[in-house]
């Protein structure tokens, strides 16, 4: 259902039966971790920065942007790059 690199990979799976009898599979709610990350680096946002490019540069995989979101307590990924000059914590890479 999900790739090992997905932020949802380790979440519990559930199913719901619709009134018409269809079964809908889904993952349970995911909470952003509260523990402070072990920082690999800090990135200062420059004009035109995109989170996928920042993540590719520091973690080697643009699809791991969600790890940077978690490390900075961001619910909306775009909020991390909206303000030029904002420092962003880059967490140490981890397993899925």
PDB file of N, CA and C in Angstrom:
ATOM      1  N   UNK A   1       0.823  -1.197   0.000  1.00  0.00           N
ATOM      2  CA  UNK A   1       0.000   0.000   0.000  1.00  0.00           C
ATOM      3  C   UNK A   1       0.868   1.263   0.000  1.00  0.00           C
ATOM      4  N   UNK A   2       1.976   1.232   0.731  1.00  0.00           N
ATOM      5  CA  UNK A   2       2.846   2.404   0.818  1.00  0.00           C
ATOM      6  C   UNK A   2       4.307   1.989   0.672  1.00  0.00           C
ATOM      7  N   UNK A   3       5.105   2.881   0.078  1.00  0.00           N
ATOM      8  CA  UNK A   3       6.538   2.614  -0.043  1.00  0.00           C
ATOM      9  C   UNK A   3       7.198   2.752   1.328  1.00  0.00           C
ATOM     10  N   UNK A   4       8.318   2.037   1.505  1.00  0.00           N
ATOM     11  CA  UNK A   4       9.040   2.080   2.782  1.00  0.00           C
ATOM     12  C   UNK A   4       9.512   3.488   3.146  1.00  0.00           C
ATOM     13  N   UNK A   5       9.722   4.343   2.164  1.00  0.00           N
ATOM     14  CA  UNK A   5      10.201   5.700   2.426  1.00  0.00           C
ATOM     15  C   UNK A   5       9.079   6.682   2.755  1.00  0.00           C
ATOM     16  N   UNK A   6       7.832   6.236   2.711  1.00  0.00           N
ATOM     17  CA  UNK A   6       6.699   7.109   2.996  1.00  0.00           C
ATOM     18  C   UNK A   6       6.609   7.427   4.482  1.00  0.00           C
ATOM     19  N   UNK A   7       6.186   8.631   4.801  1.00  0.00           N
ATOM     20  CA  UNK A   7       5.988   9.014   6.192  1.00  0.00           C
ATOM     21  C   UNK A   7       4.851   8.222   6.835  1.00  0.00           C
ATOM     22  N   UNK A   8       4.028   7.585   6.028  1.00  0.00           N
ATOM     23  CA  UNK A   8       2.887   6.828   6.522  1.00  0.00           C
ATOM     24  C   UNK A   8       3.145   5.328   6.603  1.00  0.00           C
ATOM     25  N   UNK A   9       4.336   4.887   6.209  1.00  0.00           N
ATOM     26  CA  UNK A   9       4.634   3.455   6.100  1.00  0.00           C
ATOM     27  C   UNK A   9       4.382   2.677   7.397  1.00  0.00           C
ATOM     28  N   UNK A  10       4.805   3.200   8.526  1.00  0.00           N
ATOM     29  CA  UNK A  10       4.690   2.477   9.799  1.00  0.00           C
ATOM     30  C   UNK A  10       3.364   2.683  10.529  1.00  0.00           C
ATOM     31  N   UNK A  11       2.448   3.409   9.917  1.00  0.00           N
ATOM     32  CA  UNK A  11       1.162   3.635  10.567  1.00  0.00           C
ATOM     33  C   UNK A  11       0.260   2.420  10.454  1.00  0.00           C
ATOM     34  N   UNK A  12      -0.604   2.284  11.450  1.00  0.00           N
ATOM     35  CA  UNK A  12      -1.574   1.195  11.462  1.00  0.00           C
ATOM     36  C   UNK A  12      -2.556   1.369  10.304  1.00  0.00           C
ATOM     37  N   UNK A  13      -2.880   0.265   9.652  1.00  0.00           N
ATOM     38  CA  UNK A  13      -3.867   0.273   8.573  1.00  0.00           C
ATOM     39  C   UNK A  13      -5.235  -0.036   9.151  1.00  0.00           C
ATOM     40  N   UNK A  14      -6.258   0.497   8.506  1.00  0.00           N
ATOM     41  CA  UNK A  14      -7.630   0.255   8.945  1.00  0.00           C
ATOM     42  C   UNK A  14      -8.518   0.179   7.702  1.00  0.00           C
ATOM     43  N   UNK A  15      -9.740  -0.246   7.917  1.00  0.00           N
ATOM     44  CA  UNK A  15     -10.692  -0.263   6.806  1.00  0.00           C
ATOM     45  C   UNK A  15     -12.058   0.207   7.286  1.00  0.00           C
ATOM     46  N   UNK A  16     -12.807   0.740   6.339  1.00  0.00           N
ATOM     47  CA  UNK A  16     -14.140   1.242   6.611  1.00  0.00           C
ATOM     48  C   UNK A  16     -15.060   0.691   5.539  1.00  0.00           C
ATOM     49  N   UNK A  17     -16.224   0.247   5.922  1.00  0.00           N
ATOM     50  CA  UNK A  17     -17.197  -0.260   4.967  1.00  0.00           C
ATOM     51  C   UNK A  17     -18.246   0.819   4.716  1.00  0.00           C
ATOM     52  N   UNK A  18     -18.329   1.248   3.468  1.00  0.00           N
ATOM     53  CA  UNK A  18     -19.286   2.284   3.070  1.00  0.00           C
ATOM     54  C   UNK A  18     -20.703   1.713   3.074  1.00  0.00           C
ATOM     55  N   UNK A  19     -21.702   2.580   3.131  1.00  0.00           N
ATOM     56  CA  UNK A  19     -23.083   2.114   3.115  1.00  0.00           C
ATOM     57  C   UNK A  19     -23.433   1.242   1.903  1.00  0.00           C
ATOM     58  N   UNK A  20     -22.724   1.463   0.783  1.00  0.00           N
ATOM     59  CA  UNK A  20     -23.004   0.657  -0.411  1.00  0.00           C
ATOM     60  C   UNK A  20     -22.244  -0.669  -0.415  1.00  0.00           C
ATOM     61  N   UNK A  21     -21.493  -0.945   0.676  1.00  0.00           N
ATOM     62  CA  UNK A  21     -20.779  -2.214   0.791  1.00  0.00           C
ATOM     63  C   UNK A  21     -19.321  -2.183   0.359  1.00  0.00           C
ATOM     64  N   UNK A  22     -18.890  -1.077  -0.246  1.00  0.00           N
ATOM     65  CA  UNK A  22     -17.481  -0.962  -0.645  1.00  0.00           C
ATOM     66  C   UNK A  22     -16.597  -0.898   0.587  1.00  0.00           C
ATOM     67  N   UNK A  23     -15.414  -1.510   0.497  1.00  0.00           N
ATOM     68  CA  UNK A  23     -14.439  -1.449   1.577  1.00  0.00           C
ATOM     69  C   UNK A  23     -13.373  -0.424   1.205  1.00  0.00           C
ATOM     70  N   UNK A  24     -13.130   0.520   2.107  1.00  0.00           N
ATOM     71  CA  UNK A  24     -12.135   1.566   1.893  1.00  0.00           C
ATOM     72  C   UNK A  24     -10.991   1.333   2.872  1.00  0.00           C
ATOM     73  N   UNK A  25      -9.775   1.141   2.340  1.00  0.00           N
ATOM     74  CA  UNK A  25      -8.591   0.971   3.183  1.00  0.00           C
ATOM     75  C   UNK A  25      -7.945   2.332   3.406  1.00  0.00           C
ATOM     76  N   UNK A  26      -7.427   2.551   4.608  1.00  0.00           N
ATOM     77  CA  UNK A  26      -6.754   3.811   4.912  1.00  0.00           C
ATOM     78  C   UNK A  26      -5.754   3.592   6.031  1.00  0.00           C
ATOM     79  N   UNK A  27      -4.905   4.583   6.263  1.00  0.00           N
ATOM     80  CA  UNK A  27      -3.971   4.525   7.391  1.00  0.00           C
ATOM     81  C   UNK A  27      -4.497   5.448   8.479  1.00  0.00           C
ATOM     82  N   UNK A  28      -4.215   5.086   9.710  1.00  0.00           N
ATOM     83  CA  UNK A  28      -4.658   5.892  10.854  1.00  0.00           C
ATOM     84  C   UNK A  28      -3.934   7.238  10.847  1.00  0.00           C
ATOM     85  N   UNK A  29      -4.418   8.148  11.633  1.00  0.00           N
ATOM     86  CA  UNK A  29      -3.862   9.494  11.726  1.00  0.00           C
ATOM     87  C   UNK A  29      -2.393   9.466  12.135  1.00  0.00           C
ATOM     88  N   UNK A  30      -1.611  10.359  11.545  1.00  0.00           N
ATOM     89  CA  UNK A  30      -0.188  10.488  11.856  1.00  0.00           C
ATOM     90  C   UNK A  30       0.029  11.775  12.636  1.00  0.00           C
ATOM     91  N   UNK A  31       0.746  11.663  13.753  1.00  0.00           N
ATOM     92  CA  UNK A  31       1.077  12.835  14.555  1.00  0.00           C
ATOM     93  C   UNK A  31       2.528  13.214  14.309  1.00  0.00           C
ATOM     94  N   UNK A  32       2.796  14.505  14.246  1.00  0.00           N
ATOM     95  CA  UNK A  32       4.158  14.990  14.056  1.00  0.00           C
ATOM     96  C   UNK A  32       4.938  14.706  15.336  1.00  0.00           C
ATOM     97  N   UNK A  33       6.131  14.098  15.207  1.00  0.00           N
ATOM     98  CA  UNK A  33       6.930  13.798  16.401  1.00  0.00           C
ATOM     99  C   UNK A  33       7.265  15.072  17.175  1.00  0.00           C
ATOM    100  N   UNK A  34       7.277  14.967  18.511  1.00  0.00           N
ATOM    101  CA  UNK A  34       7.582  16.122  19.356  1.00  0.00           C
ATOM    102  C   UNK A  34       9.036  16.172  19.805  1.00  0.00           C
ATOM    103  N   UNK A  35       9.734  15.048  19.694  1.00  0.00           N
ATOM    104  CA  UNK A  35      11.124  15.021  20.134  1.00  0.00           C
ATOM    105  C   UNK A  35      11.978  15.883  19.203  1.00  0.00           C
ATOM    106  N   UNK A  36      12.868  16.700  19.760  1.00  0.00           N
ATOM    107  CA  UNK A  36      13.730  17.506  18.898  1.00  0.00           C
ATOM    108  C   UNK A  36      14.662  16.593  18.095  1.00  0.00           C
ATOM    109  N   UNK A  37      14.870  16.910  16.819  1.00  0.00           N
ATOM    110  CA  UNK A  37      15.709  16.059  15.982  1.00  0.00           C
ATOM    111  C   UNK A  37      17.193  16.251  16.287  1.00  0.00           C
ATOM    112  N   UNK A  38      17.966  15.258  15.929  1.00  0.00           N
ATOM    113  CA  UNK A  38      19.419  15.406  15.948  1.00  0.00           C
ATOM    114  C   UNK A  38      19.752  16.062  14.616  1.00  0.00           C
ATOM    115  N   UNK A  39      20.300  17.262  14.662  1.00  0.00           N
ATOM    116  CA  UNK A  39      20.514  18.040  13.447  1.00  0.00           C
ATOM    117  C   UNK A  39      21.768  17.607  12.701  1.00  0.00           C
ATOM    118  N   UNK A  40      21.624  17.473  11.394  1.00  0.00           N
ATOM    119  CA  UNK A  40      22.749  17.234  10.495  1.00  0.00           C
ATOM    120  C   UNK A  40      23.337  18.577  10.093  1.00  0.00           C
ATOM    121  N   UNK A  41      22.439  19.523   9.815  1.00  0.00           N
ATOM    122  CA  UNK A  41      22.860  20.845   9.345  1.00  0.00           C
ATOM    123  C   UNK A  41      21.726  21.835   9.557  1.00  0.00           C
ATOM    124  N   UNK A  42      22.015  23.063   9.240  1.00  0.00           N
ATOM    125  CA  UNK A  42      20.996  24.095   9.216  1.00  0.00           C
ATOM    126  C   UNK A  42      21.071  24.743   7.845  1.00  0.00           C
ATOM    127  N   UNK A  43      19.948  24.952   7.232  1.00  0.00           N
ATOM    128  CA  UNK A  43      19.892  25.579   5.917  1.00  0.00           C
ATOM    129  C   UNK A  43      19.173  26.908   6.071  1.00  0.00           C
ATOM    130  N   UNK A  44      19.726  27.964   5.510  1.00  0.00           N
ATOM    131  CA  UNK A  44      19.080  29.273   5.534  1.00  0.00           C
ATOM    132  C   UNK A  44      18.401  29.459   4.179  1.00  0.00           C
ATOM    133  N   UNK A  45      17.097  29.691   4.205  1.00  0.00           N
ATOM    134  CA  UNK A  45      16.306  29.791   2.980  1.00  0.00           C
ATOM    135  C   UNK A  45      16.755  30.985   2.144  1.00  0.00           C
ATOM    136  N   UNK A  46      16.991  30.709   0.861  1.00  0.00           N
ATOM    137  CA  UNK A  46      17.340  31.746  -0.113  1.00  0.00           C
ATOM    138  C   UNK A  46      16.169  31.905  -1.078  1.00  0.00           C
ATOM    139  N   UNK A  47      16.142  33.017  -1.794  1.00  0.00           N
ATOM    140  CA  UNK A  47      15.081  33.249  -2.775  1.00  0.00           C
ATOM    141  C   UNK A  47      15.048  32.103  -3.775  1.00  0.00           C
ATOM    142  N   UNK A  48      13.862  31.587  -4.029  1.00  0.00           N
ATOM    143  CA  UNK A  48      13.700  30.522  -5.004  1.00  0.00           C
ATOM    144  C   UNK A  48      13.936  29.114  -4.482  1.00  0.00           C
ATOM    145  N   UNK A  49      14.312  28.986  -3.209  1.00  0.00           N
ATOM    146  CA  UNK A  49      14.520  27.648  -2.633  1.00  0.00           C
ATOM    147  C   UNK A  49      13.224  26.857  -2.649  1.00  0.00           C
ATOM    148  N   UNK A  50      13.356  25.558  -2.939  1.00  0.00           N
ATOM    149  CA  UNK A  50      12.239  24.626  -2.852  1.00  0.00           C
ATOM    150  C   UNK A  50      12.641  23.515  -1.899  1.00  0.00           C
ATOM    151  N   UNK A  51      11.686  23.048  -1.118  1.00  0.00           N
ATOM    152  CA  UNK A  51      11.985  22.052  -0.095  1.00  0.00           C
ATOM    153  C   UNK A  51      12.504  20.750  -0.687  1.00  0.00           C
ATOM    154  N   UNK A  52      11.985  20.335  -1.843  1.00  0.00           N
ATOM    155  CA  UNK A  52      12.487  19.098  -2.453  1.00  0.00           C
ATOM    156  C   UNK A  52      13.945  19.225  -2.852  1.00  0.00           C
ATOM    157  N   UNK A  53      14.345  20.387  -3.345  1.00  0.00           N
ATOM    158  CA  UNK A  53      15.751  20.600  -3.718  1.00  0.00           C
ATOM    159  C   UNK A  53      16.657  20.671  -2.483  1.00  0.00           C
ATOM    160  N   UNK A  54      16.169  21.319  -1.434  1.00  0.00           N
ATOM    161  CA  UNK A  54      16.943  21.405  -0.187  1.00  0.00           C
ATOM    162  C   UNK A  54      17.157  19.995   0.374  1.00  0.00           C
ATOM    163  N   UNK A  55      16.096  19.205   0.370  1.00  0.00           N
ATOM    164  CA  UNK A  55      16.168  17.841   0.900  1.00  0.00           C
ATOM    165  C   UNK A  55      17.081  16.971   0.050  1.00  0.00           C
ATOM    166  N   UNK A  56      17.002  17.107  -1.269  1.00  0.00           N
ATOM    167  CA  UNK A  56      17.889  16.338  -2.155  1.00  0.00           C
ATOM    168  C   UNK A  56      19.348  16.695  -1.880  1.00  0.00           C
ATOM    169  N   UNK A  57      19.621  17.964  -1.679  1.00  0.00           N
ATOM    170  CA  UNK A  57      20.999  18.411  -1.437  1.00  0.00           C
ATOM    171  C   UNK A  57      21.543  17.870  -0.116  1.00  0.00           C
ATOM    172  N   UNK A  58      20.746  17.921   0.931  1.00  0.00           N
ATOM    173  CA  UNK A  58      21.229  17.538   2.259  1.00  0.00           C
ATOM    174  C   UNK A  58      21.032  16.066   2.609  1.00  0.00           C
ATOM    175  N   UNK A  59      19.919  15.466   2.143  1.00  0.00           N
ATOM    176  CA  UNK A  59      19.617  14.076   2.509  1.00  0.00           C
ATOM    177  C   UNK A  59      19.759  13.109   1.345  1.00  0.00           C
ATOM    178  N   UNK A  60      19.965  13.660   0.136  1.00  0.00           N
ATOM    179  CA  UNK A  60      20.178  12.800  -1.030  1.00  0.00           C
ATOM    180  C   UNK A  60      18.907  12.236  -1.638  1.00  0.00           C
ATOM    181  N   UNK A  61      17.738  12.676  -1.183  1.00  0.00           N
ATOM    182  CA  UNK A  61      16.472  12.148  -1.700  1.00  0.00           C
ATOM    183  C   UNK A  61      15.394  13.221  -1.561  1.00  0.00           C
ATOM    184  N   UNK A  62      14.912  13.778  -2.672  1.00  0.00           N
ATOM    185  CA  UNK A  62      13.914  14.847  -2.592  1.00  0.00           C
ATOM    186  C   UNK A  62      12.597  14.399  -1.982  1.00  0.00           C
ATOM    187  N   UNK A  63      12.299  13.098  -2.014  1.00  0.00           N
ATOM    188  CA  UNK A  63      11.041  12.605  -1.462  1.00  0.00           C
ATOM    189  C   UNK A  63      11.059  12.492   0.057  1.00  0.00           C
ATOM    190  N   UNK A  64      12.187  12.786   0.676  1.00  0.00           N
ATOM    191  CA  UNK A  64      12.280  12.756   2.136  1.00  0.00           C
ATOM    192  C   UNK A  64      12.028  14.125   2.756  1.00  0.00           C
ATOM    193  N   UNK A  65      11.406  15.019   1.982  1.00  0.00           N
ATOM    194  CA  UNK A  65      11.103  16.366   2.478  1.00  0.00           C
ATOM    195  C   UNK A  65      10.306  16.328   3.781  1.00  0.00           C
ATOM    196  N   UNK A  66       9.509  15.300   3.967  1.00  0.00           N
ATOM    197  CA  UNK A  66       8.666  15.206   5.169  1.00  0.00           C
ATOM    198  C   UNK A  66       9.501  15.084   6.434  1.00  0.00           C
ATOM    199  N   UNK A  67      10.722  14.540   6.331  1.00  0.00           N
ATOM    200  CA  UNK A  67      11.593  14.470   7.511  1.00  0.00           C
ATOM    201  C   UNK A  67      12.000  15.877   7.950  1.00  0.00           C
ATOM    202  N   UNK A  68      12.232  16.751   6.972  1.00  0.00           N
ATOM    203  CA  UNK A  68      12.583  18.139   7.272  1.00  0.00           C
ATOM    204  C   UNK A  68      11.364  18.854   7.863  1.00  0.00           C
ATOM    205  N   UNK A  69      10.182  18.552   7.330  1.00  0.00           N
ATOM    206  CA  UNK A  69       8.946  19.129   7.897  1.00  0.00           C
ATOM    207  C   UNK A  69       8.798  18.722   9.362  1.00  0.00           C
ATOM    208  N   UNK A  70       8.952  17.425   9.632  1.00  0.00           N
ATOM    209  CA  UNK A  70       8.832  16.941  11.010  1.00  0.00           C
ATOM    210  C   UNK A  70       9.847  17.603  11.927  1.00  0.00           C
ATOM    211  N   UNK A  71      11.081  17.721  11.465  1.00  0.00           N
ATOM    212  CA  UNK A  71      12.155  18.287  12.292  1.00  0.00           C
ATOM    213  C   UNK A  71      11.890  19.745  12.650  1.00  0.00           C
ATOM    214  N   UNK A  72      11.107  20.425  11.797  1.00  0.00           N
ATOM    215  CA  UNK A  72      10.828  21.837  12.019  1.00  0.00           C
ATOM    216  C   UNK A  72       9.394  22.096  12.483  1.00  0.00           C
ATOM    217  N   UNK A  73       8.644  21.020  12.753  1.00  0.00           N
ATOM    218  CA  UNK A  73       7.273  21.168  13.223  1.00  0.00           C
ATOM    219  C   UNK A  73       6.330  21.774  12.201  1.00  0.00           C
ATOM    220  N   UNK A  74       6.633  21.589  10.918  1.00  0.00           N
ATOM    221  CA  UNK A  74       5.806  22.167   9.856  1.00  0.00           C
ATOM    222  C   UNK A  74       4.724  21.194   9.422  1.00  0.00           C
ATOM    223  N   UNK A  75       3.509  21.668   9.406  1.00  0.00           N
ATOM    224  CA  UNK A  75       2.394  20.862   8.922  1.00  0.00           C
ATOM    225  C   UNK A  75       2.274  21.041   7.408  1.00  0.00           C
ATOM    226  N   UNK A  76       2.506  22.258   6.936  1.00  0.00           N
ATOM    227  CA  UNK A  76       2.451  22.594   5.518  1.00  0.00           C
ATOM    228  C   UNK A  76       3.883  22.751   5.002  1.00  0.00           C
ATOM    229  N   UNK A  77       4.354  21.889   4.097  1.00  0.00           N
ATOM    230  CA  UNK A  77       5.733  21.968   3.626  1.00  0.00           C
ATOM    231  C   UNK A  77       6.141  23.345   3.103  1.00  0.00           C
ATOM    232  N   UNK A  78       5.254  24.015   2.383  1.00  0.00           N
ATOM    233  CA  UNK A  78       5.599  25.313   1.793  1.00  0.00           C
ATOM    234  C   UNK A  78       5.928  26.383   2.826  1.00  0.00           C
ATOM    235  N   UNK A  79       5.428  26.221   4.041  1.00  0.00           N
ATOM    236  CA  UNK A  79       5.687  27.252   5.057  1.00  0.00           C
ATOM    237  C   UNK A  79       7.182  27.352   5.385  1.00  0.00           C
ATOM    238  N   UNK A  80       7.935  26.296   5.142  1.00  0.00           N
ATOM    239  CA  UNK A  80       9.363  26.321   5.473  1.00  0.00           C
ATOM    240  C   UNK A  80      10.167  27.215   4.546  1.00  0.00           C
ATOM    241  N   UNK A  81       9.700  27.415   3.314  1.00  0.00           N
ATOM    242  CA  UNK A  81      10.468  28.212   2.358  1.00  0.00           C
ATOM    243  C   UNK A  81       9.804  29.535   1.998  1.00  0.00           C
ATOM    244  N   UNK A  82       8.750  29.902   2.693  1.00  0.00           N
ATOM    245  CA  UNK A  82       8.041  31.153   2.391  1.00  0.00           C
ATOM    246  C   UNK A  82       8.850  32.395   2.730  1.00  0.00           C
ATOM    247  N   UNK A  83       9.669  32.319   3.752  1.00  0.00           N
ATOM    248  CA  UNK A  83      10.397  33.508   4.217  1.00  0.00           C
ATOM    249  C   UNK A  83      11.887  33.359   3.955  1.00  0.00           C
ATOM    250  N   UNK A  84      12.428  34.187   3.082  1.00  0.00           N
ATOM    251  CA  UNK A  84      13.868  34.200   2.807  1.00  0.00           C
ATOM    252  C   UNK A  84      14.600  34.568   4.096  1.00  0.00           C
ATOM    253  N   UNK A  85      15.675  33.824   4.386  1.00  0.00           N
ATOM    254  CA  UNK A  85      16.458  34.066   5.592  1.00  0.00           C
ATOM    255  C   UNK A  85      16.076  33.176   6.754  1.00  0.00           C
ATOM    256  N   UNK A  86      14.993  32.421   6.611  1.00  0.00           N
ATOM    257  CA  UNK A  86      14.566  31.527   7.687  1.00  0.00           C
ATOM    258  C   UNK A  86      15.529  30.361   7.803  1.00  0.00           C
ATOM    259  N   UNK A  87      15.989  30.057   9.010  1.00  0.00           N
ATOM    260  CA  UNK A  87      16.832  28.861   9.183  1.00  0.00           C
ATOM    261  C   UNK A  87      15.946  27.608   9.292  1.00  0.00           C
ATOM    262  N   UNK A  88      16.354  26.545   8.617  1.00  0.00           N
ATOM    263  CA  UNK A  88      15.641  25.273   8.645  1.00  0.00           C
ATOM    264  C   UNK A  88      16.590  24.211   9.180  1.00  0.00           C
ATOM    265  N   UNK A  89      16.130  23.434  10.158  1.00  0.00           N
ATOM    266  CA  UNK A  89      16.924  22.331  10.688  1.00  0.00           C
ATOM    267  C   UNK A  89      16.855  21.179   9.695  1.00  0.00           C
ATOM    268  N   UNK A  90      17.997  20.630   9.344  1.00  0.00           N
ATOM    269  CA  UNK A  90      18.070  19.436   8.500  1.00  0.00           C
ATOM    270  C   UNK A  90      18.420  18.277   9.436  1.00  0.00           C
ATOM    271  N   UNK A  91      17.503  17.315   9.607  1.00  0.00           N
ATOM    272  CA  UNK A  91      17.755  16.218  10.546  1.00  0.00           C
ATOM    273  C   UNK A  91      18.695  15.178   9.964  1.00  0.00           C
ATOM    274  N   UNK A  92      19.314  14.415  10.845  1.00  0.00           N
ATOM    275  CA  UNK A  92      20.125  13.284  10.385  1.00  0.00           C
ATOM    276  C   UNK A  92      19.221  12.317   9.644  1.00  0.00           C
ATOM    277  N   UNK A  93      19.716  11.722   8.556  1.00  0.00           N
ATOM    278  CA  UNK A  93      18.899  10.714   7.864  1.00  0.00           C
ATOM    279  C   UNK A  93      18.632   9.525   8.786  1.00  0.00           C
ATOM    280  N   UNK A  94      17.437   8.954   8.636  1.00  0.00           N
ATOM    281  CA  UNK A  94      17.038   7.799   9.443  1.00  0.00           C
ATOM    282  C   UNK A  94      16.433   6.769   8.528  1.00  0.00           C
ATOM    283  N   UNK A  95      16.215   5.593   9.073  1.00  0.00           N
ATOM    284  CA  UNK A  95      15.495   4.566   8.330  1.00  0.00           C
ATOM    285  C   UNK A  95      14.038   4.943   8.236  1.00  0.00           C
ATOM    286  N   UNK A  96      13.264   4.223   7.401  1.00  0.00           N
ATOM    287  CA  UNK A  96      11.862   4.563   7.235  1.00  0.00           C
ATOM    288  C   UNK A  96      11.053   4.364   8.503  1.00  0.00           C
TER     289      UNK A  96
END
